[in-house]
Amino acid sequence: MNIGDAAAQSELAPKTIRYYESVGLIQSPARTAGGYRDYGEADVQTLRFVARARGLGFSVAQVAELLSLYNDRDRTSADVKAITMAHIDDIDRKMAELESMKNTLSHLVHMCHGDDRPDCPILDDLAKPADH
């Protein structure tokens, strides 16, 4: 099947598939006599795996590790679990950062009158040096 069909079946854009090929995350498929990519069902399964993993926020490097483990019948589930637990730790850290940002912004919104006056605590805070 061509890249458009593979993209539709994997729910990835053709451009994304080409990118994953260019960075070595997935192997380039066989080519037709005319030079077009020719994807098989195994290729589409790999693309679906990648799409699902990326949708869960795994980095390209983590997806490469997971794909390697997926294809290694001698893998240990402990290796897969370790990658996933590290990813959960990253998500927890990002959530804490986002919560802190939200609290700061909520405080600034509360301090701003939001009227016709030019003074604005939000802009004043944004103008402060980063190490305040």
Protein backbone atom coordinates (compact mmCIF):
# COMPACT_ATOMS: atom_id res chain seq x y z
CA MET A 1 0.00 0.00 0.00
CA ASN A 2 1.15 3.57 -0.57
CA ILE A 3 2.03 6.09 2.13
CA GLY A 4 -1.42 7.69 1.99
CA ASP A 5 -3.11 4.38 2.75
CA ALA A 6 -0.60 3.56 5.48
CA ALA A 7 -1.14 7.01 6.96
CA ALA A 8 -4.91 6.56 6.98
CA GLN A 9 -4.68 3.14 8.62
CA SER A 10 -2.18 4.27 11.25
CA GLU A 11 -3.73 7.71 11.85
CA LEU A 12 -0.40 9.40 11.19
CA ALA A 13 0.22 12.09 8.60
CA PRO A 14 2.41 11.08 5.65
CA LYS A 15 4.81 13.86 6.62
CA THR A 16 5.09 12.37 10.12
CA ILE A 17 5.78 8.93 8.69
CA ARG A 18 8.54 10.36 6.49
CA TYR A 19 10.00 12.13 9.53
CA TYR A 20 10.03 8.92 11.58
CA GLU A 21 11.82 7.21 8.70
CA SER A 22 14.36 10.03 8.40
CA VAL A 23 15.30 9.89 12.10
CA GLY A 24 15.53 6.09 12.01
CA LEU A 25 12.61 5.44 14.31
CA ILE A 26 11.03 3.17 11.71
CA GLN A 27 12.60 1.40 8.79
CA SER A 28 11.92 2.64 5.30
CA PRO A 29 9.59 0.20 3.59
CA ALA A 30 10.31 -1.60 0.37
CA ARG A 31 9.94 0.47 -2.79
CA THR A 32 7.93 -0.25 -5.89
CA ALA A 33 9.60 -0.38 -9.29
CA GLY A 34 8.52 3.25 -9.66
CA GLY A 35 10.30 4.22 -6.43
CA TYR A 36 7.20 4.65 -4.29
CA ARG A 37 7.08 3.43 -0.70
CA ASP A 38 5.24 0.12 -0.44
CA TYR A 39 3.92 -0.52 3.07
CA GLY A 40 2.84 -3.91 4.28
CA GLU A 41 0.60 -4.85 7.20
CA ALA A 42 3.63 -5.23 9.52
CA ASP A 43 4.69 -1.68 8.64
CA VAL A 44 1.21 -0.38 9.45
CA GLN A 45 1.26 -2.25 12.77
CA THR A 46 4.57 -0.58 13.62
CA LEU A 47 3.14 2.80 12.65
CA ARG A 48 0.12 2.20 14.88
CA PHE A 49 2.45 1.26 17.74
CA VAL A 50 4.42 4.47 17.24
CA ALA A 51 1.26 6.58 16.97
CA ARG A 52 -0.14 5.12 20.20
CA ALA A 53 3.14 5.54 22.08
CA ARG A 54 3.57 9.13 20.87
CA GLY A 55 -0.06 9.80 21.76
CA LEU A 56 0.78 8.76 25.31
CA GLY A 57 3.58 11.31 25.33
CA PHE A 58 6.61 9.04 24.98
CA SER A 59 9.54 10.80 23.34
CA VAL A 60 10.91 9.61 20.02
CA ALA A 61 13.88 8.11 21.88
CA GLN A 62 11.60 6.30 24.30
CA VAL A 63 9.48 5.00 21.43
CA ALA A 64 12.65 3.67 19.79
CA GLU A 65 13.48 1.81 23.00
CA LEU A 66 9.95 0.47 23.29
CA LEU A 67 9.93 -0.65 19.64
CA SER A 68 13.22 -2.41 20.18
CA LEU A 69 11.79 -4.22 23.19
CA TYR A 70 8.55 -4.97 21.33
CA ASN A 71 10.56 -6.70 18.60
CA ASP A 72 12.84 -8.54 21.06
CA ARG A 73 11.19 -11.79 22.11
CA ASP A 74 13.87 -12.16 24.83
CA ARG A 75 12.92 -8.87 26.46
CA THR A 76 11.97 -8.54 30.07
CA SER A 77 8.82 -6.75 31.06
CA ALA A 78 10.91 -5.05 33.76
CA ASP A 79 12.70 -3.08 31.04
CA VAL A 80 9.39 -1.94 29.55
CA LYS A 81 8.05 -1.07 32.99
CA ALA A 82 11.17 0.97 33.83
CA ILE A 83 10.78 3.11 30.70
CA THR A 84 7.10 3.63 31.45
CA MET A 85 7.72 4.50 35.10
CA ALA A 86 10.36 7.06 34.08
CA HIS A 87 7.81 8.56 31.69
CA ILE A 88 5.23 8.76 34.48
CA ASP A 89 7.80 10.58 36.62
CA ASP A 90 8.32 13.07 33.77
CA ILE A 91 4.56 13.57 33.49
CA ASP A 92 4.28 14.16 37.25
CA ARG A 93 7.08 16.75 37.08
CA LYS A 94 5.43 18.51 34.15
CA MET A 95 2.07 18.49 35.92
CA ALA A 96 3.65 20.11 38.99
CA GLU A 97 5.24 22.75 36.76
CA LEU A 98 1.91 23.41 35.05
CA GLU A 99 0.12 23.66 38.40
CA SER A 100 2.71 26.19 39.58
CA MET A 101 2.26 28.20 36.37
CA LYS A 102 -1.50 28.10 36.77
CA ASN A 103 -1.28 29.30 40.39
CA THR A 104 1.01 32.19 39.42
CA LEU A 105 -1.24 33.22 36.55
CA SER A 106 -4.38 32.92 38.69
CA HIS A 107 -2.78 35.17 41.30
CA LEU A 108 -1.83 37.72 38.62
CA VAL A 109 -5.32 37.67 37.12
CA HIS A 110 -6.77 38.24 40.59
CA MET A 111 -4.45 41.23 41.08
CA CYS A 112 -5.34 42.82 37.72
CA HIS A 113 -8.35 45.12 37.73
CA GLY A 114 -9.08 44.45 34.09
CA ASP A 115 -10.46 47.91 33.55
CA ASP A 116 -9.64 50.96 31.43
CA ARG A 117 -6.56 51.89 33.47
CA PRO A 118 -3.16 51.27 31.87
CA ASP A 119 -1.49 49.75 34.96
CA CYS A 120 -1.49 45.97 34.93
CA PRO A 121 0.18 43.64 37.45
CA ILE A 122 0.35 40.91 34.82
CA LEU A 123 2.55 43.00 32.52
CA ASP A 124 4.58 44.25 35.48
CA ASP A 125 5.30 40.68 36.55
CA LEU A 126 6.23 39.59 33.03
CA ALA A 127 8.73 42.45 32.86
CA LYS A 128 10.55 41.30 36.03
CA PRO A 129 13.86 39.46 35.79
CA ALA A 130 13.41 35.69 35.69
CA ASP A 131 15.14 35.12 39.04
CA HIS A 132 12.57 37.03 41.10
